[in-house]
Amino acid sequence: MKVSRIFVALLVMFALFRTSASARAEINTNFVKEFLNRYRPLKVGSPAAAQSSQDVASLIRTGQLPLSVGDLINLIIQNNLDVGVNRLTPLSSRYLIETMYLPFEPTLHLQATVTRNTSPAISQLIGAQSLSTLGGAYSLGFSQALDTGTTLGVDFVMNRNSSNSAFNTFNPSYTGLLRYSFSQHLLKDYGRVNNRRQIRVAQNNQKISETQFERQLIDLVAQAQRAYWDLVFAAEDIKVKQRSMDLAQKTLSDNEIQVRIGTLAPIDVVQAESEVANRRVQYVTSTYTEVQTQDQVKKLITSQGDPGLILAKLIPSQVVPKPQSSDVPPIEQAIKIALENRPEIKQLQLDLQNKKIDLEYTKNQLLPTVDLFAAYNQNGVGGKETIRSGFGPTAPIVAQFEGGIFDSFGQLFGYGYTGYSVGLSVQIPLRNRAAQGENARAMTDERIAEQRITSQAQQIALEVRNALTQVDMNRARIEAATKASELSERRLEAEQKKFDLGASTIRFVLEEQRNVAQAQTDELQAIVNYTKALVDIDRAMGMTLKKNNIEIEKTLISGPTAR
């Protein structure tokens, strides 16, 4: 008897152990409200609220919006529509993890059934000419499946029955049953590794969604940086076109003076006027190009439906940096950094982990099902008891005892009537083709995932090499463009002197002016292209976010961290 009581106590303690810690943590002064909140929908909101109009408006000064690269990135993180949408995917994956705990959530079940029935007697042993019964069945139970492959259960059942049968010893009768049950998988589905498979996969998928968000954010930040330097180029190119137009206008004014004093032919004035008109066209074109670039940048920093609603003019506050020898690392180091930081590699590595989890699970599913189960029962009965001196409804009544449900409880917890069962269940599949096929499929998927990592690493190395080549090429272009700009200015000075001495014509002077303007534009474009190539090499190495002080975890929750 003592052994059975110890067995029962251990089962109860084991069943309640899994939930006792969390239950204690949730107990507070408003327990009922907290308890009921478990059965209401969660309040799900966006990770970060967009307040585009206020944030952009706070930076506007006298109709202008001074903008650094850090300001641009901060506004993108806080207001960009794509960032706002992409933030929700990791949040959805996080909630999906919670659903995977469903098989291991403890359950409390209650049931009550009342039955009334009248039927004609078909035998004298029924104890009445017309049998009338009234019954009630009430049950309360607790069940818990553990991730070790263990299932625990505690069930309490109380039945009340009364009838007009004279053969009943207890009428009404209260029959109680308290049952403790236990089962454990020993081979197939044994252990946390197998039973937490879906949770582990969901956790990896949540990390994958974060790496996807990181990749999307890298692309967007790199796009924004390139657009910023395009805006810088457009603003500086307008200045070049303005100086070129002013120079042509001055040349036209000088020629008109010379025509009036008779030292220059009138046809030369026509050439100068034509050149002024052409350069004005170039100036106007550059102006509208800047407007289009402004709209592209405004689209990145606002959540409004029409970026044009931001009426302020964007003024880049950073100048194009000059090339430095330390701008890029050696190629071997750059490839190593890329393989360590690119989100594509992280994503594929997480996918490989999922494939390994699947392979491990399918290997376990090849095993037979062997289950150990045990149960312990406590029984009790009570009610109004009638004792007769013989058998049958006509036998004299010896004694009657007024009892009730508490008599049943007394026997139930008095351990006077108990029982137990222990067993072993074995299921051996005679043809295990399905499980073998799943295991072979999982093994193949793992090899595919490994090959994808190798292929992606090769592609990343190629991207890094191409990006470094672009940096070197644009550095060489800057040197050539700078030299060409210096030479074009010297040629213009020489041609202007020849024209002043009468050894040249206005056509050659105007041509050299165009060459100077084009050389200055080419030099500016080469410097901007070099800066954009640095943006591309940062992206190729996966360093875009780190160099802009952007932390993915903080960005998923709220906002700006870039400087």
Protein backbone atom coordinates (compact mmCIF):
# COMPACT_ATOMS: atom_id res chain seq x y z
CA MET A 1 0.00 0.00 0.00
CA LYS A 2 2.80 2.37 0.90
CA VAL A 3 4.52 1.73 -2.44
CA SER A 4 1.36 2.56 -4.37
CA ARG A 5 0.91 5.83 -2.50
CA ILE A 6 4.48 6.84 -3.25
CA PHE A 7 3.89 5.99 -6.92
CA VAL A 8 0.80 8.21 -7.01
CA ALA A 9 2.56 11.10 -5.28
CA LEU A 10 5.48 10.96 -7.73
CA LEU A 11 3.14 10.99 -10.71
CA VAL A 12 1.25 14.03 -9.43
CA MET A 13 4.47 15.92 -8.66
CA PHE A 14 5.90 15.10 -12.09
CA ALA A 15 2.70 16.24 -13.82
CA LEU A 16 2.62 19.56 -12.01
CA PHE A 17 6.35 20.28 -12.14
CA ARG A 18 6.30 21.51 -15.74
CA THR A 19 3.72 24.16 -15.07
CA SER A 20 4.36 25.14 -11.46
CA ALA A 21 7.16 27.62 -12.22
CA SER A 22 5.25 29.48 -14.92
CA ALA A 23 2.07 29.41 -12.83
CA ARG A 24 3.84 31.02 -9.88
CA ALA A 25 5.25 33.72 -12.14
CA GLU A 26 1.80 34.62 -13.45
CA ILE A 27 0.08 34.86 -10.08
CA ASN A 28 -0.60 38.49 -9.23
CA THR A 29 -3.26 40.65 -7.70
CA ASN A 30 -5.31 40.55 -10.87
CA PHE A 31 -5.12 36.81 -11.51
CA VAL A 32 -8.60 36.47 -13.03
CA LYS A 33 -7.95 39.12 -15.65
CA GLU A 34 -4.60 37.64 -16.54
CA PHE A 35 -6.13 34.19 -16.76
CA LEU A 36 -8.96 35.31 -19.04
CA ASN A 37 -6.53 37.19 -21.30
CA ARG A 38 -5.18 33.81 -22.40
CA TYR A 39 -8.41 33.25 -24.30
CA ARG A 40 -8.57 36.62 -26.03
CA PRO A 41 -6.80 37.66 -29.25
CA LEU A 42 -3.41 39.26 -28.78
CA LYS A 43 -3.02 42.92 -29.53
CA VAL A 44 -0.68 42.89 -32.50
CA GLY A 45 0.79 46.16 -33.63
CA SER A 46 3.45 47.37 -36.03
CA PRO A 47 7.01 47.26 -34.67
CA ALA A 48 7.45 50.95 -35.40
CA ALA A 49 4.92 53.64 -36.14
CA ALA A 50 5.67 55.84 -39.12
CA GLN A 51 5.54 59.57 -38.46
CA SER A 52 6.93 60.79 -41.73
CA SER A 53 5.41 64.24 -41.88
CA GLN A 54 6.60 65.25 -38.40
CA ASP A 55 10.10 63.82 -38.73
CA VAL A 56 10.78 65.32 -42.15
CA ALA A 57 9.17 68.62 -41.14
CA SER A 58 11.45 68.90 -38.12
CA LEU A 59 14.50 68.97 -40.43
CA ILE A 60 13.20 71.57 -42.87
CA ARG A 61 14.83 75.00 -42.66
CA THR A 62 13.42 77.90 -44.74
CA GLY A 63 12.05 75.62 -47.42
CA GLN A 64 15.18 73.47 -47.58
CA LEU A 65 15.97 70.11 -46.09
CA PRO A 66 19.69 69.73 -45.31
CA LEU A 67 20.45 66.05 -45.62
CA SER A 68 23.47 63.96 -44.73
CA VAL A 69 23.84 60.27 -45.52
CA GLY A 70 23.10 59.46 -41.86
CA ASP A 71 19.96 61.61 -41.92
CA LEU A 72 18.81 59.90 -45.09
CA ILE A 73 19.28 56.41 -43.63
CA ASN A 74 17.53 57.33 -40.36
CA LEU A 75 14.51 58.65 -42.24
CA ILE A 76 14.43 55.51 -44.39
CA ILE A 77 14.47 53.20 -41.37
CA GLN A 78 11.69 55.16 -39.69
CA ASN A 79 9.44 56.04 -42.63
CA ASN A 80 10.14 53.93 -45.69
CA LEU A 81 7.10 51.89 -46.70
CA ASP A 82 9.15 48.86 -47.78
CA VAL A 83 10.96 48.78 -44.43
CA GLY A 84 7.64 49.00 -42.60
CA VAL A 85 6.23 46.06 -44.53
CA ASN A 86 9.39 43.95 -44.34
CA ARG A 87 9.51 44.38 -40.55
CA LEU A 88 6.27 42.42 -40.23
CA THR A 89 7.62 39.17 -41.69
CA PRO A 90 10.01 38.40 -38.77
CA LEU A 91 7.19 39.36 -36.39
CA SER A 92 4.89 36.86 -38.08
CA SER A 93 7.59 34.18 -37.85
CA ARG A 94 8.00 34.93 -34.16
CA TYR A 95 4.30 34.32 -33.53
CA LEU A 96 4.50 31.11 -35.56
CA ILE A 97 6.99 29.72 -33.04
CA GLU A 98 4.36 30.03 -30.31
CA THR A 99 1.96 27.83 -32.27
CA MET A 100 4.51 25.02 -32.27
CA TYR A 101 4.18 24.66 -28.50
CA LEU A 102 0.56 23.54 -28.86
CA PRO A 103 1.26 19.79 -28.43
CA PHE A 104 3.00 20.47 -25.10
CA GLU A 105 0.46 22.79 -23.54
CA PRO A 106 -1.27 21.35 -20.44
CA THR A 107 -5.00 20.84 -20.76
CA LEU A 108 -7.74 20.86 -18.15
CA HIS A 109 -10.96 19.18 -19.31
CA LEU A 110 -14.34 19.08 -17.60
CA GLN A 111 -17.48 17.23 -18.58
CA ALA A 112 -20.94 16.82 -17.04
CA THR A 113 -23.72 14.62 -18.40
CA VAL A 114 -27.20 14.01 -16.98
CA THR A 115 -29.34 11.15 -18.31
CA ARG A 116 -33.00 10.28 -17.60
CA ASN A 117 -34.55 7.12 -19.04
CA THR A 118 -37.63 4.91 -18.61
CA SER A 119 -37.89 1.48 -20.22
CA PRO A 120 -40.20 -1.57 -19.86
CA ALA A 121 -38.86 -4.53 -17.93
CA ILE A 122 -37.80 -7.53 -19.97
CA SER A 123 -36.77 -9.67 -17.01
CA GLN A 124 -37.71 -10.19 -13.38
CA LEU A 125 -34.07 -9.53 -12.52
CA ILE A 126 -34.57 -5.87 -13.40
CA GLY A 127 -36.35 -5.41 -10.09
CA ALA A 128 -39.24 -3.31 -11.35
CA GLN A 129 -42.11 -3.59 -13.80
CA SER A 130 -40.94 -0.41 -15.55
CA LEU A 131 -37.33 0.59 -15.01
CA SER A 132 -36.78 4.30 -14.45
CA THR A 133 -33.20 5.58 -14.10
CA LEU A 134 -31.62 8.94 -13.44
CA GLY A 135 -27.89 9.22 -13.93
CA GLY A 136 -25.19 11.84 -13.86
CA ALA A 137 -21.58 11.56 -15.01
CA TYR A 138 -19.08 14.23 -13.98
CA SER A 139 -15.41 14.22 -14.90
CA LEU A 140 -12.43 16.47 -14.32
CA GLY A 141 -9.07 15.76 -15.86
CA PHE A 142 -5.59 17.11 -16.47
CA SER A 143 -3.28 15.99 -19.27
CA GLN A 144 0.20 17.04 -20.29
CA ALA A 145 2.44 15.88 -23.12
CA LEU A 146 6.11 16.54 -22.48
CA ASP A 147 8.80 17.06 -25.08
CA THR A 148 10.59 13.98 -23.75
CA GLY A 149 7.89 11.78 -25.33
CA THR A 150 6.07 11.41 -22.03
CA THR A 151 2.31 11.76 -21.56
CA LEU A 152 0.83 12.29 -18.10
CA GLY A 153 -2.79 12.30 -17.08
CA VAL A 154 -4.89 12.66 -13.96
CA ASP A 155 -8.64 11.95 -14.32
CA PHE A 156 -11.34 12.16 -11.70
CA VAL A 157 -14.78 10.69 -12.48
CA MET A 158 -17.88 10.69 -10.26
CA ASN A 159 -21.05 8.92 -11.40
CA ARG A 160 -24.43 9.26 -9.67
CA ASN A 161 -27.14 6.72 -10.48
CA SER A 162 -30.61 6.13 -9.03
CA SER A 163 -33.44 3.89 -10.18
CA ASN A 164 -36.60 2.16 -9.00
CA SER A 165 -34.96 -1.28 -9.18
CA ALA A 166 -35.34 -3.22 -5.95
CA PHE A 167 -32.08 -5.09 -6.58
CA ASN A 168 -29.85 -2.02 -6.11
CA THR A 169 -27.81 -2.12 -2.94
CA PHE A 170 -26.97 1.60 -3.24
CA ASN A 171 -29.79 3.84 -4.42
CA PRO A 172 -28.81 6.50 -5.22
CA SER A 173 -25.20 5.42 -5.71
CA TYR A 174 -22.07 7.53 -6.07
CA THR A 175 -19.22 5.77 -7.81
CA GLY A 176 -15.88 7.59 -7.86
CA LEU A 177 -12.71 6.89 -9.83
CA LEU A 178 -9.34 8.66 -9.60
CA ARG A 179 -6.91 7.51 -12.26
CA TYR A 180 -3.25 8.44 -12.78
CA SER A 181 -1.82 7.50 -16.15
CA PHE A 182 1.65 7.59 -17.63
CA SER A 183 3.09 6.64 -21.02
CA GLN A 184 6.55 6.97 -22.48
CA HIS A 185 7.89 6.48 -26.02
CA LEU A 186 11.06 4.41 -25.80
CA LEU A 187 12.29 4.33 -29.41
CA LYS A 188 10.29 6.20 -32.04
CA ASP A 189 9.42 9.77 -30.95
CA TYR A 190 11.65 9.50 -27.89
CA GLY A 191 13.41 12.56 -26.44
CA ARG A 192 13.40 16.32 -26.81
CA VAL A 193 15.45 16.28 -30.00
CA ASN A 194 12.67 14.59 -31.93
CA ASN A 195 9.63 16.07 -30.24
CA ARG A 196 10.89 19.67 -30.43
CA ARG A 197 11.71 19.35 -34.12
CA GLN A 198 9.01 21.76 -35.32
CA ILE A 199 9.91 24.30 -32.63
CA ARG A 200 13.60 24.21 -33.60
CA VAL A 201 12.74 24.57 -37.28
CA ALA A 202 10.38 27.47 -36.53
CA GLN A 203 13.09 29.19 -34.49
CA ASN A 204 15.53 28.84 -37.39
CA ASN A 205 12.86 30.09 -39.79
CA GLN A 206 12.39 33.14 -37.60
CA LYS A 207 16.15 33.80 -37.84
CA ILE A 208 15.94 33.25 -41.60
CA SER A 209 13.21 35.89 -41.84
CA GLU A 210 15.47 38.26 -39.92
CA THR A 211 18.35 37.61 -42.33
CA GLN A 212 15.97 38.22 -45.22
CA PHE A 213 15.01 41.52 -43.63
CA GLU A 214 18.71 42.29 -43.19
CA ARG A 215 19.34 41.58 -46.86
CA GLN A 216 16.41 43.76 -47.92
CA LEU A 217 17.63 46.55 -45.65
CA ILE A 218 21.16 46.29 -47.03
CA ASP A 219 19.85 46.62 -50.58
CA LEU A 220 17.67 49.58 -49.62
CA VAL A 221 20.43 51.40 -47.73
CA ALA A 222 22.87 50.82 -50.61
CA GLN A 223 20.24 52.11 -53.04
CA ALA A 224 19.73 55.17 -50.84
CA GLN A 225 23.47 55.87 -50.67
CA ARG A 226 23.79 55.64 -54.44
CA ALA A 227 20.76 57.93 -54.85
CA TYR A 228 22.32 60.40 -52.39
CA TRP A 229 25.53 60.64 -54.39
CA ASP A 230 23.50 60.93 -57.60
CA LEU A 231 21.80 63.90 -55.93
CA VAL A 232 25.20 65.37 -55.07
CA PHE A 233 26.32 64.88 -58.67
CA ALA A 234 23.13 66.50 -60.02
CA ALA A 235 23.59 69.54 -57.76
CA GLU A 236 27.28 69.95 -58.67
CA ASP A 237 26.63 69.34 -62.37
CA ILE A 238 24.12 72.18 -62.38
CA LYS A 239 26.90 74.45 -61.10
CA VAL A 240 29.18 73.25 -63.91
CA LYS A 241 26.44 73.90 -66.47
CA GLN A 242 25.77 77.31 -64.91
CA ARG A 243 29.44 78.32 -65.15
CA SER A 244 29.60 77.08 -68.73
CA MET A 245 26.48 79.07 -69.65
CA ASP A 246 27.84 82.18 -67.90
CA LEU A 247 31.13 81.81 -69.77
CA ALA A 248 29.31 81.52 -73.11
CA GLN A 249 27.20 84.58 -72.20
CA LYS A 250 30.37 86.57 -71.42
CA THR A 251 31.90 85.49 -74.71
CA LEU A 252 28.74 86.63 -76.51
CA SER A 253 28.87 90.02 -74.78
CA ASP A 254 32.54 90.48 -75.68
CA ASN A 255 31.85 89.53 -79.31
CA GLU A 256 28.98 91.99 -79.56
CA ILE A 257 31.32 94.75 -78.39
CA GLN A 258 33.92 93.75 -80.97
CA VAL A 259 31.32 93.68 -83.72
CA ARG A 260 30.22 97.21 -82.81
CA ILE A 261 33.78 98.49 -83.02
CA GLY A 262 34.35 96.55 -86.27
CA THR A 263 37.04 94.11 -85.12
CA LEU A 264 34.85 91.02 -85.46
CA ALA A 265 32.52 89.69 -88.15
CA PRO A 266 28.78 89.60 -87.29
CA ILE A 267 28.69 85.84 -88.08
CA ASP A 268 30.79 85.22 -85.00
CA VAL A 269 28.05 86.73 -82.84
CA VAL A 270 25.58 84.21 -84.32
CA GLN A 271 27.88 81.36 -83.35
CA ALA A 272 28.14 82.71 -79.80
CA GLU A 273 24.37 83.15 -79.54
CA SER A 274 23.86 79.56 -80.75
CA GLU A 275 26.32 78.30 -78.15
CA VAL A 276 24.55 80.21 -75.36
CA ALA A 277 21.24 78.61 -76.42
CA ASN A 278 22.76 75.12 -76.47
CA ARG A 279 24.30 75.52 -73.04
CA ARG A 280 21.01 76.82 -71.66
CA VAL A 281 19.39 73.61 -72.93
CA GLN A 282 22.05 71.60 -71.09
CA TYR A 283 21.45 73.64 -67.93
CA VAL A 284 17.68 73.13 -68.09
CA THR A 285 18.16 69.38 -68.69
CA SER A 286 20.46 69.11 -65.67
CA THR A 287 17.93 71.03 -63.57
CA TYR A 288 15.10 68.62 -64.40
CA THR A 289 17.43 65.65 -63.84
CA GLU A 290 18.02 66.97 -60.34
CA VAL A 291 14.26 67.27 -59.78
CA GLN A 292 13.78 63.62 -60.75
CA THR A 293 16.64 62.56 -58.46
CA GLN A 294 15.09 64.60 -55.64
CA ASP A 295 11.79 62.75 -56.10
CA GLN A 296 13.58 59.39 -55.98
CA VAL A 297 15.25 60.30 -52.69
CA LYS A 298 11.99 61.71 -51.28
CA LYS A 299 10.27 58.42 -52.08
CA LEU A 300 12.78 56.66 -49.85
CA ILE A 301 12.26 58.90 -46.83
CA THR A 302 8.48 59.29 -46.74
CA SER A 303 5.46 57.09 -46.16
CA GLN A 304 3.14 59.49 -47.98
CA GLY A 305 1.44 58.30 -51.13
CA ASP A 306 2.99 61.10 -53.21
CA PRO A 307 6.65 61.95 -52.46
CA GLY A 308 6.09 65.29 -54.21
CA LEU A 309 4.08 66.41 -51.17
CA ILE A 310 7.44 67.12 -49.53
CA LEU A 311 7.86 70.58 -50.99
CA ALA A 312 11.23 71.30 -49.41
CA LYS A 313 14.30 71.05 -51.58
CA LEU A 314 16.82 68.44 -50.49
CA ILE A 315 20.26 69.95 -49.95
CA PRO A 316 23.06 67.38 -49.62
CA SER A 317 25.30 68.45 -46.76
CA GLN A 318 28.15 66.04 -47.51
CA VAL A 319 30.74 66.48 -50.23
CA VAL A 320 32.11 63.65 -52.29
CA PRO A 321 35.10 62.21 -50.41
CA LYS A 322 38.45 61.95 -52.15
CA PRO A 323 39.90 58.49 -52.72
CA GLN A 324 42.07 57.09 -49.94
CA SER A 325 44.43 54.13 -50.02
CA SER A 326 42.60 52.64 -47.01
CA ASP A 327 39.16 52.72 -48.63
CA VAL A 328 39.13 48.98 -49.37
CA PRO A 329 40.88 45.97 -47.80
CA PRO A 330 42.99 43.42 -49.73
CA ILE A 331 40.94 41.05 -51.83
CA GLU A 332 41.54 37.96 -49.66
CA GLN A 333 40.47 39.83 -46.55
CA ALA A 334 37.45 41.30 -48.35
CA ILE A 335 36.24 37.84 -49.41
CA LYS A 336 36.71 36.52 -45.87
CA ILE A 337 34.70 39.41 -44.44
CA ALA A 338 31.97 38.84 -47.02
CA LEU A 339 31.63 35.14 -46.20
CA GLU A 340 31.32 36.01 -42.50
CA ASN A 341 28.78 38.81 -42.89
CA ARG A 342 26.65 38.28 -45.98
CA PRO A 343 23.05 37.46 -44.93
CA GLU A 344 22.73 35.04 -47.85
CA ILE A 345 25.33 32.77 -46.25
CA LYS A 346 23.63 33.07 -42.84
CA GLN A 347 20.30 32.17 -44.41
CA LEU A 348 21.69 29.10 -46.18
CA GLN A 349 23.47 27.96 -43.02
CA LEU A 350 20.20 28.17 -41.08
CA ASP A 351 18.47 26.27 -43.87
CA LEU A 352 21.18 23.60 -43.59
CA GLN A 353 20.48 23.36 -39.85
CA ASN A 354 16.81 22.76 -40.66
CA LYS A 355 17.78 20.02 -43.08
CA LYS A 356 19.96 18.37 -40.42
CA ILE A 357 17.07 18.54 -37.94
CA ASP A 358 14.80 16.93 -40.54
CA LEU A 359 17.38 14.22 -41.25
CA GLU A 360 17.77 13.45 -37.55
CA TYR A 361 14.00 13.22 -37.14
CA THR A 362 13.47 10.94 -40.15
CA LYS A 363 16.25 8.69 -38.87
CA ASN A 364 14.34 8.31 -35.60
CA GLN A 365 11.14 7.54 -37.50
CA LEU A 366 12.80 4.41 -38.91
CA LEU A 367 12.60 2.79 -35.47
CA PRO A 368 9.70 0.65 -34.24
CA THR A 369 7.16 2.12 -31.84
CA VAL A 370 7.80 0.88 -28.32
CA ASP A 371 5.73 2.47 -25.56
CA LEU A 372 5.76 1.90 -21.83
CA PHE A 373 2.52 2.74 -20.05
CA ALA A 374 1.26 2.52 -16.51
CA ALA A 375 -1.85 3.53 -14.61
CA TYR A 376 -2.98 3.59 -11.00
CA ASN A 377 -6.66 3.69 -9.95
CA GLN A 378 -8.40 4.65 -6.72
CA ASN A 379 -12.05 3.61 -6.40
CA GLY A 380 -14.87 4.45 -4.06
CA VAL A 381 -18.62 3.99 -3.76
CA GLY A 382 -21.24 5.60 -1.56
CA GLY A 383 -24.91 6.36 -1.26
CA LYS A 384 -28.02 5.12 0.52
CA GLU A 385 -27.30 1.45 1.23
CA THR A 386 -30.00 -1.21 1.70
CA ILE A 387 -28.95 -4.60 3.12
CA ARG A 388 -31.36 -7.57 2.68
CA SER A 389 -31.24 -10.99 4.31
CA GLY A 390 -31.56 -12.74 0.99
CA PHE A 391 -31.63 -12.27 -2.75
CA GLY A 392 -34.48 -10.55 -4.51
CA PRO A 393 -36.73 -7.57 -3.98
CA THR A 394 -38.96 -9.53 -1.56
CA ALA A 395 -36.10 -10.42 0.78
CA PRO A 396 -36.46 -8.77 4.17
CA ILE A 397 -34.48 -5.60 4.74
CA VAL A 398 -31.94 -6.10 7.49
CA ALA A 399 -30.53 -2.57 7.68
CA GLN A 400 -30.41 0.74 5.87
CA PHE A 401 -27.60 3.29 6.01
CA GLU A 402 -28.04 6.87 4.96
CA GLY A 403 -24.92 7.59 2.93
CA GLY A 404 -23.93 9.96 0.20
CA ILE A 405 -21.18 11.28 -2.02
CA PHE A 406 -18.80 11.82 0.91
CA ASP A 407 -18.78 8.08 1.56
CA SER A 408 -17.49 7.66 -1.98
CA PHE A 409 -14.80 10.28 -1.36
CA GLY A 410 -13.84 8.55 1.86
CA GLN A 411 -13.22 5.26 0.10
CA LEU A 412 -11.58 6.98 -2.84
CA PHE A 413 -8.91 8.71 -0.78
CA GLY A 414 -8.74 6.01 1.84
CA TYR A 415 -6.87 3.78 -0.64
CA GLY A 416 -9.09 0.89 0.33
CA TYR A 417 -9.97 -0.02 -3.26
CA THR A 418 -7.10 0.44 -5.68
CA GLY A 419 -5.74 -1.08 -8.82
CA TYR A 420 -2.88 -0.63 -11.21
CA SER A 421 -1.75 -1.66 -14.65
CA VAL A 422 1.65 -1.74 -16.35
CA GLY A 423 2.25 -2.64 -19.95
CA LEU A 424 4.47 -2.46 -22.97
CA SER A 425 3.24 -1.80 -26.50
CA VAL A 426 5.33 -2.67 -29.54
CA GLN A 427 4.49 -1.87 -33.17
CA ILE A 428 6.93 -3.14 -35.80
CA PRO A 429 6.32 -2.16 -39.43
CA LEU A 430 6.93 -5.12 -41.71
CA ARG A 431 7.63 -2.90 -44.73
CA ASN A 432 9.31 0.35 -43.77
CA ARG A 433 9.48 1.90 -47.25
CA ALA A 434 7.74 5.17 -46.36
CA ALA A 435 10.08 5.93 -43.47
CA GLN A 436 13.12 4.94 -45.53
CA GLY A 437 11.95 7.15 -48.38
CA GLU A 438 11.54 10.12 -46.02
CA ASN A 439 15.00 9.55 -44.60
CA ALA A 440 16.55 9.31 -48.08
CA ARG A 441 14.72 12.49 -49.11
CA ALA A 442 16.00 14.32 -46.02
CA MET A 443 19.56 13.13 -46.71
CA THR A 444 19.35 14.40 -50.28
CA ASP A 445 17.97 17.76 -49.11
CA GLU A 446 20.90 18.10 -46.71
CA ARG A 447 23.40 17.54 -49.53
CA ILE A 448 21.58 20.07 -51.71
CA ALA A 449 21.73 22.63 -48.88
CA GLU A 450 25.49 22.05 -48.49
CA GLN A 451 26.05 22.53 -52.21
CA ARG A 452 24.01 25.73 -52.15
CA ILE A 453 26.30 27.18 -49.50
CA THR A 454 29.34 26.37 -51.64
CA SER A 455 27.69 27.85 -54.74
CA GLN A 456 26.66 31.00 -52.87
CA ALA A 457 30.17 31.41 -51.45
CA GLN A 458 31.55 31.22 -54.97
CA GLN A 459 29.05 33.83 -56.18
CA ILE A 460 29.90 36.14 -53.26
CA ALA A 461 33.62 35.86 -53.97
CA LEU A 462 32.94 36.82 -57.59
CA GLU A 463 30.81 39.79 -56.51
CA VAL A 464 33.56 41.01 -54.17
CA ARG A 465 36.18 40.72 -56.92
CA ASN A 466 33.97 42.60 -59.38
CA ALA A 467 33.24 45.32 -56.80
CA LEU A 468 36.96 45.75 -56.07
CA THR A 469 37.64 45.93 -59.79
CA GLN A 470 35.06 48.72 -60.08
CA VAL A 471 36.77 50.60 -57.24
CA ASP A 472 40.19 50.31 -58.90
CA MET A 473 38.75 51.26 -62.29
CA ASN A 474 36.98 54.35 -60.95
CA ARG A 475 40.09 55.41 -59.03
CA ALA A 476 42.01 55.28 -62.33
CA ARG A 477 39.20 57.19 -64.03
CA ILE A 478 39.44 59.93 -61.43
CA GLU A 479 43.16 60.35 -62.11
CA ALA A 480 42.56 60.42 -65.87
CA ALA A 481 39.55 62.75 -65.61
CA THR A 482 41.41 65.15 -63.31
CA LYS A 483 44.32 65.28 -65.73
CA ALA A 484 41.97 65.76 -68.69
CA SER A 485 40.18 68.60 -66.86
CA GLU A 486 43.49 70.37 -66.15
CA LEU A 487 44.62 70.01 -69.78
CA SER A 488 41.26 71.24 -71.15
CA GLU A 489 41.50 74.40 -69.04
CA ARG A 490 45.04 75.00 -70.30
CA ARG A 491 43.90 74.47 -73.89
CA LEU A 492 41.07 76.94 -73.37
CA GLU A 493 43.50 79.54 -72.01
CA ALA A 494 45.79 79.01 -74.98
CA GLU A 495 42.94 79.18 -77.50
CA GLN A 496 41.59 82.32 -75.85
CA LYS A 497 45.01 84.00 -76.11
CA LYS A 498 45.26 83.00 -79.79
CA PHE A 499 41.80 84.43 -80.39
CA ASP A 500 42.73 87.68 -78.65
CA LEU A 501 45.78 87.92 -80.93
CA GLY A 502 43.70 87.20 -84.02
CA ALA A 503 45.32 83.81 -84.66
CA SER A 504 42.14 81.81 -84.01
CA THR A 505 38.40 82.01 -84.50
CA ILE A 506 35.49 82.11 -82.05
CA ARG A 507 34.44 78.62 -83.13
CA PHE A 508 37.58 77.06 -81.61
CA VAL A 509 37.21 79.09 -78.43
CA LEU A 510 33.62 77.93 -77.97
CA GLU A 511 34.64 74.35 -78.68
CA GLU A 512 37.34 74.48 -75.97
CA GLN A 513 34.78 75.93 -73.53
CA ARG A 514 32.54 72.93 -74.20
CA ASN A 515 35.50 70.63 -73.68
CA VAL A 516 36.25 72.25 -70.31
CA ALA A 517 32.64 71.86 -69.15
CA GLN A 518 32.52 68.25 -70.30
CA ALA A 519 35.86 67.48 -68.63
CA GLN A 520 34.63 68.98 -65.35
CA THR A 521 31.43 66.91 -65.58
CA ASP A 522 33.46 63.78 -66.35
CA GLU A 523 35.75 64.45 -63.38
CA LEU A 524 32.76 64.94 -61.07
CA GLN A 525 31.08 61.80 -62.44
CA ALA A 526 34.26 59.78 -61.93
CA ILE A 527 34.51 60.88 -58.27
CA VAL A 528 30.81 60.10 -57.66
CA ASN A 529 31.15 56.73 -59.41
CA TYR A 530 34.11 55.93 -57.17
CA THR A 531 32.05 56.76 -54.08
CA LYS A 532 29.18 54.60 -55.37
CA ALA A 533 31.69 51.80 -56.01
CA LEU A 534 32.65 52.01 -52.33
CA VAL A 535 28.95 51.61 -51.50
CA ASP A 536 28.87 48.51 -53.70
CA ILE A 537 31.96 46.97 -52.10
CA ASP A 538 30.43 47.50 -48.64
CA ARG A 539 27.30 45.75 -49.86
CA ALA A 540 29.33 42.92 -51.42
CA MET A 541 31.16 42.39 -48.11
CA GLY A 542 27.92 42.62 -46.07
CA MET A 543 29.27 45.65 -44.18
CA THR A 544 26.64 48.20 -45.23
CA LEU A 545 24.71 48.12 -41.96
CA LYS A 546 27.75 47.93 -39.70
CA LYS A 547 29.42 50.91 -41.33
CA ASN A 548 26.23 52.90 -40.88
CA ASN A 549 25.76 51.77 -37.24
CA ILE A 550 22.51 49.96 -37.96
CA GLU A 551 21.60 47.09 -35.63
CA ILE A 552 19.04 44.66 -37.04
CA GLU A 553 17.46 43.82 -33.68
CA LYS A 554 16.84 47.48 -32.84
CA THR A 555 15.69 48.24 -36.36
CA LEU A 556 13.12 45.44 -36.20
CA ILE A 557 11.64 47.02 -33.07
CA SER A 558 11.85 50.70 -33.84
CA GLY A 559 14.13 52.90 -35.63
CA PRO A 560 16.97 55.16 -36.41
CA THR A 561 20.50 54.31 -35.38
CA ALA A 562 22.59 55.40 -38.36
CA ARG A 563 24.98 58.29 -38.09
